[in-house]
Amino acid sequence: MVLGGLELEARCLFIASASHAIDKANGQITLDCARLDRVEEPTLGMLVTVARFAQRRGQRVVLNKPSKRVRSDLDDAGVSYLFARKA
């Protein structure tokens, strides 16, 4: 589950957890974005870090249920190409 408004320590823990999951995954990792209202800069950095980590391993991050605002925020930041999306 991806949440916004996380402090630095929580973002670091999320990145470490997601990176561990990517190391064990085969092909893609899905992040639940249903409770993410928008993507502010710290959350954007966290998501991009995870997506690039996955890319270096030949995998893809899938965003599950991103809101229209989240999709727009990723488009505006020029990083939406890093993610696949579900519903």
PDB file of N, CA and C in Angstrom:
ATOM      1  N   MET A   1       0.858  -1.173   0.000  1.00  0.00           N
ATOM      2  CA  MET A   1       0.000   0.000   0.000  1.00  0.00           C
ATOM      3  C   MET A   1       0.903   1.234   0.000  1.00  0.00           C
ATOM      4  N   VAL A   2       0.678   2.120  -0.929  1.00  0.00           N
ATOM      5  CA  VAL A   2       1.436   3.358  -1.009  1.00  0.00           C
ATOM      6  C   VAL A   2       0.629   4.460  -0.337  1.00  0.00           C
ATOM      7  N   LEU A   3       1.272   5.152   0.577  1.00  0.00           N
ATOM      8  CA  LEU A   3       0.643   6.286   1.257  1.00  0.00           C
ATOM      9  C   LEU A   3       1.492   7.520   1.026  1.00  0.00           C
ATOM     10  N   GLY A   4       0.857   8.666   0.955  1.00  0.00           N
ATOM     11  CA  GLY A   4       1.584   9.919   0.827  1.00  0.00           C
ATOM     12  C   GLY A   4       1.843  10.506   2.196  1.00  0.00           C
ATOM     13  N   GLY A   5       2.625  11.558   2.239  1.00  0.00           N
ATOM     14  CA  GLY A   5       2.867  12.275   3.477  1.00  0.00           C
ATOM     15  C   GLY A   5       3.749  11.537   4.464  1.00  0.00           C
ATOM     16  N   LEU A   6       4.551  10.594   3.992  1.00  0.00           N
ATOM     17  CA  LEU A   6       5.414   9.841   4.886  1.00  0.00           C
ATOM     18  C   LEU A   6       6.656  10.640   5.235  1.00  0.00           C
ATOM     19  N   GLU A   7       7.134  10.466   6.449  1.00  0.00           N
ATOM     20  CA  GLU A   7       8.388  11.077   6.870  1.00  0.00           C
ATOM     21  C   GLU A   7       9.546  10.315   6.216  1.00  0.00           C
ATOM     22  N   LEU A   8      10.729  10.903   6.278  1.00  0.00           N
ATOM     23  CA  LEU A   8      11.906  10.328   5.626  1.00  0.00           C
ATOM     24  C   LEU A   8      12.155   8.881   6.046  1.00  0.00           C
ATOM     25  N   GLU A   9      12.098   8.602   7.325  1.00  0.00           N
ATOM     26  CA  GLU A   9      12.367   7.238   7.797  1.00  0.00           C
ATOM     27  C   GLU A   9      11.356   6.245   7.226  1.00  0.00           C
ATOM     28  N   ALA A  10      10.096   6.630   7.189  1.00  0.00           N
ATOM     29  CA  ALA A  10       9.058   5.745   6.645  1.00  0.00           C
ATOM     30  C   ALA A  10       9.262   5.532   5.144  1.00  0.00           C
ATOM     31  N   ARG A  11       9.669   6.580   4.419  1.00  0.00           N
ATOM     32  CA  ARG A  11       9.938   6.428   2.985  1.00  0.00           C
ATOM     33  C   ARG A  11      11.110   5.484   2.759  1.00  0.00           C
ATOM     34  N   CYS A  12      12.146   5.611   3.580  1.00  0.00           N
ATOM     35  CA  CYS A  12      13.308   4.715   3.457  1.00  0.00           C
ATOM     36  C   CYS A  12      12.908   3.268   3.719  1.00  0.00           C
ATOM     37  N   LEU A  13      12.066   3.052   4.712  1.00  0.00           N
ATOM     38  CA  LEU A  13      11.581   1.699   5.006  1.00  0.00           C
ATOM     39  C   LEU A  13      10.745   1.148   3.854  1.00  0.00           C
ATOM     40  N   PHE A  14       9.917   2.006   3.256  1.00  0.00           N
ATOM     41  CA  PHE A  14       9.110   1.583   2.111  1.00  0.00           C
ATOM     42  C   PHE A  14      10.011   1.176   0.952  1.00  0.00           C
ATOM     43  N   ILE A  15      11.008   1.989   0.650  1.00  0.00           N
ATOM     44  CA  ILE A  15      11.931   1.689  -0.447  1.00  0.00           C
ATOM     45  C   ILE A  15      12.655   0.374  -0.181  1.00  0.00           C
ATOM     46  N   ALA A  16      13.117   0.177   1.045  1.00  0.00           N
ATOM     47  CA  ALA A  16      13.818  -1.067   1.384  1.00  0.00           C
ATOM     48  C   ALA A  16      12.895  -2.273   1.243  1.00  0.00           C
ATOM     49  N   SER A  17      11.668  -2.139   1.718  1.00  0.00           N
ATOM     50  CA  SER A  17      10.698  -3.232   1.626  1.00  0.00           C
ATOM     51  C   SER A  17      10.355  -3.542   0.175  1.00  0.00           C
ATOM     52  N   ALA A  18      10.096  -2.501  -0.614  1.00  0.00           N
ATOM     53  CA  ALA A  18       9.769  -2.697  -2.030  1.00  0.00           C
ATOM     54  C   ALA A  18      10.957  -3.286  -2.783  1.00  0.00           C
ATOM     55  N   SER A  19      12.151  -2.831  -2.483  1.00  0.00           N
ATOM     56  CA  SER A  19      13.348  -3.356  -3.145  1.00  0.00           C
ATOM     57  C   SER A  19      13.527  -4.834  -2.833  1.00  0.00           C
ATOM     58  N   HIS A  20      13.272  -5.212  -1.599  1.00  0.00           N
ATOM     59  CA  HIS A  20      13.350  -6.619  -1.204  1.00  0.00           C
ATOM     60  C   HIS A  20      12.319  -7.448  -1.983  1.00  0.00           C
ATOM     61  N   ALA A  21      11.110  -6.913  -2.104  1.00  0.00           N
ATOM     62  CA  ALA A  21      10.064  -7.609  -2.854  1.00  0.00           C
ATOM     63  C   ALA A  21      10.441  -7.739  -4.331  1.00  0.00           C
ATOM     64  N   ILE A  22      11.055  -6.705  -4.887  1.00  0.00           N
ATOM     65  CA  ILE A  22      11.489  -6.741  -6.289  1.00  0.00           C
ATOM     66  C   ILE A  22      12.541  -7.821  -6.484  1.00  0.00           C
ATOM     67  N   ASP A  23      13.464  -7.922  -5.530  1.00  0.00           N
ATOM     68  CA  ASP A  23      14.501  -8.950  -5.628  1.00  0.00           C
ATOM     69  C   ASP A  23      13.901 -10.350  -5.668  1.00  0.00           C
ATOM     70  N   LYS A  24      12.767 -10.550  -5.005  1.00  0.00           N
ATOM     71  CA  LYS A  24      12.125 -11.864  -4.948  1.00  0.00           C
ATOM     72  C   LYS A  24      11.085 -12.064  -6.050  1.00  0.00           C
ATOM     73  N   ALA A  25      10.636 -10.968  -6.669  1.00  0.00           N
ATOM     74  CA  ALA A  25       9.577 -11.035  -7.680  1.00  0.00           C
ATOM     75  C   ALA A  25      10.129 -11.548  -9.002  1.00  0.00           C
ATOM     76  N   ASN A  26       9.198 -11.936  -9.847  1.00  0.00           N
ATOM     77  CA  ASN A  26       9.566 -12.416 -11.175  1.00  0.00           C
ATOM     78  C   ASN A  26       8.767 -11.626 -12.203  1.00  0.00           C
ATOM     79  N   GLY A  27       9.349 -10.558 -12.729  1.00  0.00           N
ATOM     80  CA  GLY A  27       8.709  -9.811 -13.802  1.00  0.00           C
ATOM     81  C   GLY A  27       8.114  -8.480 -13.418  1.00  0.00           C
ATOM     82  N   GLN A  28       7.312  -8.457 -12.360  1.00  0.00           N
ATOM     83  CA  GLN A  28       6.713  -7.179 -11.974  1.00  0.00           C
ATOM     84  C   GLN A  28       6.339  -7.200 -10.502  1.00  0.00           C
ATOM     85  N   ILE A  29       6.181  -6.009  -9.964  1.00  0.00           N
ATOM     86  CA  ILE A  29       5.696  -5.846  -8.600  1.00  0.00           C
ATOM     87  C   ILE A  29       4.534  -4.862  -8.666  1.00  0.00           C
ATOM     88  N   THR A  30       3.484  -5.153  -7.933  1.00  0.00           N
ATOM     89  CA  THR A  30       2.294  -4.303  -7.950  1.00  0.00           C
ATOM     90  C   THR A  30       2.219  -3.517  -6.647  1.00  0.00           C
ATOM     91  N   LEU A  31       2.041  -2.208  -6.773  1.00  0.00           N
ATOM     92  CA  LEU A  31       1.869  -1.331  -5.614  1.00  0.00           C
ATOM     93  C   LEU A  31       0.423  -0.849  -5.578  1.00  0.00           C
ATOM     94  N   ASP A  32      -0.233  -1.031  -4.462  1.00  0.00           N
ATOM     95  CA  ASP A  32      -1.616  -0.595  -4.281  1.00  0.00           C
ATOM     96  C   ASP A  32      -1.638   0.910  -4.029  1.00  0.00           C
ATOM     97  N   CYS A  33      -2.221   1.643  -4.948  1.00  0.00           N
ATOM     98  CA  CYS A  33      -2.283   3.114  -4.845  1.00  0.00           C
ATOM     99  C   CYS A  33      -3.692   3.613  -4.551  1.00  0.00           C
ATOM    100  N   ALA A  34      -4.578   2.720  -4.134  1.00  0.00           N
ATOM    101  CA  ALA A  34      -5.979   3.087  -3.926  1.00  0.00           C
ATOM    102  C   ALA A  34      -6.149   4.188  -2.880  1.00  0.00           C
ATOM    103  N   ARG A  35      -5.259   4.258  -1.897  1.00  0.00           N
ATOM    104  CA  ARG A  35      -5.393   5.269  -0.841  1.00  0.00           C
ATOM    105  C   ARG A  35      -4.465   6.469  -1.044  1.00  0.00           C
ATOM    106  N   LEU A  36      -3.805   6.523  -2.187  1.00  0.00           N
ATOM    107  CA  LEU A  36      -2.912   7.642  -2.499  1.00  0.00           C
ATOM    108  C   LEU A  36      -3.702   8.697  -3.250  1.00  0.00           C
ATOM    109  N   ASP A  37      -3.886   9.867  -2.619  1.00  0.00           N
ATOM    110  CA  ASP A  37      -4.691  10.939  -3.220  1.00  0.00           C
ATOM    111  C   ASP A  37      -3.946  11.736  -4.271  1.00  0.00           C
ATOM    112  N   ARG A  38      -2.671  11.981  -4.001  1.00  0.00           N
ATOM    113  CA  ARG A  38      -1.847  12.769  -4.917  1.00  0.00           C
ATOM    114  C   ARG A  38      -0.398  12.379  -4.712  1.00  0.00           C
ATOM    115  N   VAL A  39       0.472  12.839  -5.589  1.00  0.00           N
ATOM    116  CA  VAL A  39       1.895  12.518  -5.494  1.00  0.00           C
ATOM    117  C   VAL A  39       2.669  13.810  -5.262  1.00  0.00           C
ATOM    118  N   GLU A  40       3.028  14.047  -3.997  1.00  0.00           N
ATOM    119  CA  GLU A  40       3.873  15.195  -3.696  1.00  0.00           C
ATOM    120  C   GLU A  40       5.328  14.774  -3.923  1.00  0.00           C
ATOM    121  N   GLU A  41       6.246  15.732  -3.880  1.00  0.00           N
ATOM    122  CA  GLU A  41       7.639  15.462  -4.249  1.00  0.00           C
ATOM    123  C   GLU A  41       8.284  14.302  -3.494  1.00  0.00           C
ATOM    124  N   PRO A  42       8.151  14.208  -2.166  1.00  0.00           N
ATOM    125  CA  PRO A  42       8.784  13.074  -1.482  1.00  0.00           C
ATOM    126  C   PRO A  42       8.239  11.718  -1.937  1.00  0.00           C
ATOM    127  N   THR A  43       6.934  11.644  -2.141  1.00  0.00           N
ATOM    128  CA  THR A  43       6.333  10.389  -2.608  1.00  0.00           C
ATOM    129  C   THR A  43       6.766  10.096  -4.036  1.00  0.00           C
ATOM    130  N   LEU A  44       6.860  11.120  -4.859  1.00  0.00           N
ATOM    131  CA  LEU A  44       7.334  10.958  -6.231  1.00  0.00           C
ATOM    132  C   LEU A  44       8.741  10.368  -6.226  1.00  0.00           C
ATOM    133  N   GLY A  45       9.613  10.929  -5.413  1.00  0.00           N
ATOM    134  CA  GLY A  45      10.984  10.419  -5.320  1.00  0.00           C
ATOM    135  C   GLY A  45      11.023   8.962  -4.893  1.00  0.00           C
ATOM    136  N   MET A  46      10.176   8.622  -3.942  1.00  0.00           N
ATOM    137  CA  MET A  46      10.099   7.248  -3.449  1.00  0.00           C
ATOM    138  C   MET A  46       9.657   6.299  -4.565  1.00  0.00           C
ATOM    139  N   LEU A  47       8.609   6.668  -5.288  1.00  0.00           N
ATOM    140  CA  LEU A  47       8.102   5.822  -6.369  1.00  0.00           C
ATOM    141  C   LEU A  47       9.101   5.684  -7.510  1.00  0.00           C
ATOM    142  N   VAL A  48       9.750   6.771  -7.872  1.00  0.00           N
ATOM    143  CA  VAL A  48      10.732   6.731  -8.957  1.00  0.00           C
ATOM    144  C   VAL A  48      11.929   5.864  -8.558  1.00  0.00           C
ATOM    145  N   THR A  49      12.375   5.971  -7.308  1.00  0.00           N
ATOM    146  CA  THR A  49      13.475   5.141  -6.825  1.00  0.00           C
ATOM    147  C   THR A  49      13.128   3.665  -6.950  1.00  0.00           C
ATOM    148  N   VAL A  50      11.941   3.296  -6.537  1.00  0.00           N
ATOM    149  CA  VAL A  50      11.497   1.902  -6.620  1.00  0.00           C
ATOM    150  C   VAL A  50      11.393   1.461  -8.085  1.00  0.00           C
ATOM    151  N   ALA A  51      10.826   2.308  -8.938  1.00  0.00           N
ATOM    152  CA  ALA A  51      10.667   1.952 -10.354  1.00  0.00           C
ATOM    153  C   ALA A  51      12.018   1.770 -11.045  1.00  0.00           C
ATOM    154  N   ARG A  52      12.961   2.616 -10.743  1.00  0.00           N
ATOM    155  CA  ARG A  52      14.289   2.492 -11.367  1.00  0.00           C
ATOM    156  C   ARG A  52      15.027   1.262 -10.849  1.00  0.00           C
ATOM    157  N   PHE A  53      14.851   0.960  -9.575  1.00  0.00           N
ATOM    158  CA  PHE A  53      15.429  -0.262  -9.006  1.00  0.00           C
ATOM    159  C   PHE A  53      14.884  -1.475  -9.752  1.00  0.00           C
ATOM    160  N   ALA A  54      13.576  -1.481  -9.981  1.00  0.00           N
ATOM    161  CA  ALA A  54      12.947  -2.590 -10.708  1.00  0.00           C
ATOM    162  C   ALA A  54      13.474  -2.669 -12.143  1.00  0.00           C
ATOM    163  N   GLN A  55      13.581  -1.538 -12.809  1.00  0.00           N
ATOM    164  CA  GLN A  55      14.064  -1.524 -14.189  1.00  0.00           C
ATOM    165  C   GLN A  55      15.463  -2.109 -14.306  1.00  0.00           C
ATOM    166  N   ARG A  56      16.325  -1.774 -13.349  1.00  0.00           N
ATOM    167  CA  ARG A  56      17.694  -2.299 -13.384  1.00  0.00           C
ATOM    168  C   ARG A  56      17.719  -3.820 -13.267  1.00  0.00           C
ATOM    169  N   ARG A  57      16.644  -4.395 -12.781  1.00  0.00           N
ATOM    170  CA  ARG A  57      16.539  -5.847 -12.644  1.00  0.00           C
ATOM    171  C   ARG A  57      15.632  -6.454 -13.712  1.00  0.00           C
ATOM    172  N   GLY A  58      15.293  -5.647 -14.709  1.00  0.00           N
ATOM    173  CA  GLY A  58      14.474  -6.135 -15.811  1.00  0.00           C
ATOM    174  C   GLY A  58      13.013  -6.343 -15.440  1.00  0.00           C
ATOM    175  N   GLN A  59      12.553  -5.618 -14.424  1.00  0.00           N
ATOM    176  CA  GLN A  59      11.188  -5.763 -13.959  1.00  0.00           C
ATOM    177  C   GLN A  59      10.434  -4.451 -14.127  1.00  0.00           C
ATOM    178  N   ARG A  60       9.154  -4.495 -13.789  1.00  0.00           N
ATOM    179  CA  ARG A  60       8.295  -3.323 -13.953  1.00  0.00           C
ATOM    180  C   ARG A  60       7.432  -3.138 -12.718  1.00  0.00           C
ATOM    181  N   VAL A  61       7.215  -1.897 -12.334  1.00  0.00           N
ATOM    182  CA  VAL A  61       6.317  -1.582 -11.234  1.00  0.00           C
ATOM    183  C   VAL A  61       4.940  -1.283 -11.817  1.00  0.00           C
ATOM    184  N   VAL A  62       3.928  -1.949 -11.284  1.00  0.00           N
ATOM    185  CA  VAL A  62       2.545  -1.750 -11.694  1.00  0.00           C
ATOM    186  C   VAL A  62       1.831  -1.011 -10.571  1.00  0.00           C
ATOM    187  N   LEU A  63       1.198   0.097 -10.908  1.00  0.00           N
ATOM    188  CA  LEU A  63       0.416   0.847  -9.929  1.00  0.00           C
ATOM    189  C   LEU A  63      -1.027   0.373 -10.015  1.00  0.00           C
ATOM    190  N   ASN A  64      -1.530  -0.169  -8.930  1.00  0.00           N
ATOM    191  CA  ASN A  64      -2.897  -0.677  -8.881  1.00  0.00           C
ATOM    192  C   ASN A  64      -3.834   0.410  -8.367  1.00  0.00           C
ATOM    193  N   LYS A  65      -4.838   0.724  -9.161  1.00  0.00           N
ATOM    194  CA  LYS A  65      -5.874   1.701  -8.828  1.00  0.00           C
ATOM    195  C   LYS A  65      -5.350   3.106  -8.519  1.00  0.00           C
ATOM    196  N   PRO A  66      -4.463   3.636  -9.355  1.00  0.00           N
ATOM    197  CA  PRO A  66      -4.059   5.027  -9.129  1.00  0.00           C
ATOM    198  C   PRO A  66      -5.202   5.963  -9.508  1.00  0.00           C
ATOM    199  N   SER A  67      -5.413   6.983  -8.711  1.00  0.00           N
ATOM    200  CA  SER A  67      -6.474   7.949  -9.007  1.00  0.00           C
ATOM    201  C   SER A  67      -6.097   8.780 -10.232  1.00  0.00           C
ATOM    202  N   LYS A  68      -7.071   9.477 -10.764  1.00  0.00           N
ATOM    203  CA  LYS A  68      -6.824  10.376 -11.895  1.00  0.00           C
ATOM    204  C   LYS A  68      -5.782  11.421 -11.510  1.00  0.00           C
ATOM    205  N   ARG A  69      -5.855  11.926 -10.286  1.00  0.00           N
ATOM    206  CA  ARG A  69      -4.891  12.932  -9.806  1.00  0.00           C
ATOM    207  C   ARG A  69      -3.484  12.343  -9.737  1.00  0.00           C
ATOM    208  N   VAL A  70      -3.360  11.118  -9.247  1.00  0.00           N
ATOM    209  CA  VAL A  70      -2.040  10.474  -9.177  1.00  0.00           C
ATOM    210  C   VAL A  70      -1.478  10.297 -10.584  1.00  0.00           C
ATOM    211  N   ARG A  71      -2.299   9.821 -11.512  1.00  0.00           N
ATOM    212  CA  ARG A  71      -1.836   9.666 -12.895  1.00  0.00           C
ATOM    213  C   ARG A  71      -1.406  11.005 -13.478  1.00  0.00           C
ATOM    214  N   SER A  72      -2.170  12.039 -13.201  1.00  0.00           N
ATOM    215  CA  SER A  72      -1.840  13.378 -13.681  1.00  0.00           C
ATOM    216  C   SER A  72      -0.533  13.881 -13.072  1.00  0.00           C
ATOM    217  N   ASP A  73      -0.354  13.666 -11.778  1.00  0.00           N
ATOM    218  CA  ASP A  73       0.886  14.087 -11.105  1.00  0.00           C
ATOM    219  C   ASP A  73       2.102  13.396 -11.712  1.00  0.00           C
ATOM    220  N   LEU A  74       1.976  12.104 -11.995  1.00  0.00           N
ATOM    221  CA  LEU A  74       3.085  11.369 -12.616  1.00  0.00           C
ATOM    222  C   LEU A  74       3.348  11.871 -14.030  1.00  0.00           C
ATOM    223  N   ASP A  75       2.274  12.156 -14.781  1.00  0.00           N
ATOM    224  CA  ASP A  75       2.430  12.728 -16.124  1.00  0.00           C
ATOM    225  C   ASP A  75       3.124  14.078 -16.066  1.00  0.00           C
ATOM    226  N   ASP A  76       2.666  14.936 -15.151  1.00  0.00           N
ATOM    227  CA  ASP A  76       3.246  16.282 -15.014  1.00  0.00           C
ATOM    228  C   ASP A  76       4.725  16.230 -14.657  1.00  0.00           C
ATOM    229  N   ALA A  77       5.108  15.227 -13.889  1.00  0.00           N
ATOM    230  CA  ALA A  77       6.510  15.077 -13.491  1.00  0.00           C
ATOM    231  C   ALA A  77       7.347  14.406 -14.579  1.00  0.00           C
ATOM    232  N   GLY A  78       6.680  13.905 -15.629  1.00  0.00           N
ATOM    233  CA  GLY A  78       7.391  13.268 -16.736  1.00  0.00           C
ATOM    234  C   GLY A  78       7.908  11.877 -16.425  1.00  0.00           C
ATOM    235  N   VAL A  79       7.280  11.187 -15.451  1.00  0.00           N
ATOM    236  CA  VAL A  79       7.770   9.863 -15.065  1.00  0.00           C
ATOM    237  C   VAL A  79       6.737   8.751 -15.227  1.00  0.00           C
ATOM    238  N   SER A  80       5.610   9.050 -15.811  1.00  0.00           N
ATOM    239  CA  SER A  80       4.564   8.032 -15.927  1.00  0.00           C
ATOM    240  C   SER A  80       5.015   6.839 -16.766  1.00  0.00           C
ATOM    241  N   TYR A  81       5.984   7.046 -17.662  1.00  0.00           N
ATOM    242  CA  TYR A  81       6.486   5.956 -18.494  1.00  0.00           C
ATOM    243  C   TYR A  81       7.173   4.867 -17.664  1.00  0.00           C
ATOM    244  N   LEU A  82       7.552   5.184 -16.435  1.00  0.00           N
ATOM    245  CA  LEU A  82       8.231   4.212 -15.577  1.00  0.00           C
ATOM    246  C   LEU A  82       7.288   3.159 -15.011  1.00  0.00           C
ATOM    247  N   PHE A  83       5.980   3.409 -15.106  1.00  0.00           N
ATOM    248  CA  PHE A  83       4.997   2.567 -14.445  1.00  0.00           C
ATOM    249  C   PHE A  83       3.976   2.001 -15.420  1.00  0.00           C
ATOM    250  N   ALA A  84       3.574   0.780 -15.144  1.00  0.00           N
ATOM    251  CA  ALA A  84       2.385   0.220 -15.787  1.00  0.00           C
ATOM    252  C   ALA A  84       1.248   0.502 -14.806  1.00  0.00           C
ATOM    253  N   ARG A  85       0.024   0.337 -15.235  1.00  0.00           N
ATOM    254  CA  ARG A  85      -1.054   0.569 -14.274  1.00  0.00           C
ATOM    255  C   ARG A  85      -2.209  -0.396 -14.492  1.00  0.00           C
ATOM    256  N   LYS A  86      -2.882  -0.689 -13.394  1.00  0.00           N
ATOM    257  CA  LYS A  86      -4.059  -1.557 -13.378  1.00  0.00           C
ATOM    258  C   LYS A  86      -5.237  -0.719 -12.948  1.00  0.00           C
ATOM    259  N   ALA A  87      -6.315  -0.832 -13.676  1.00  0.00           N
ATOM    260  CA  ALA A  87      -7.575  -0.145 -13.360  1.00  0.00           C
ATOM    261  C   ALA A  87      -7.293   1.184 -12.860  1.00  0.00           C
TER     262      ALA A  87
END
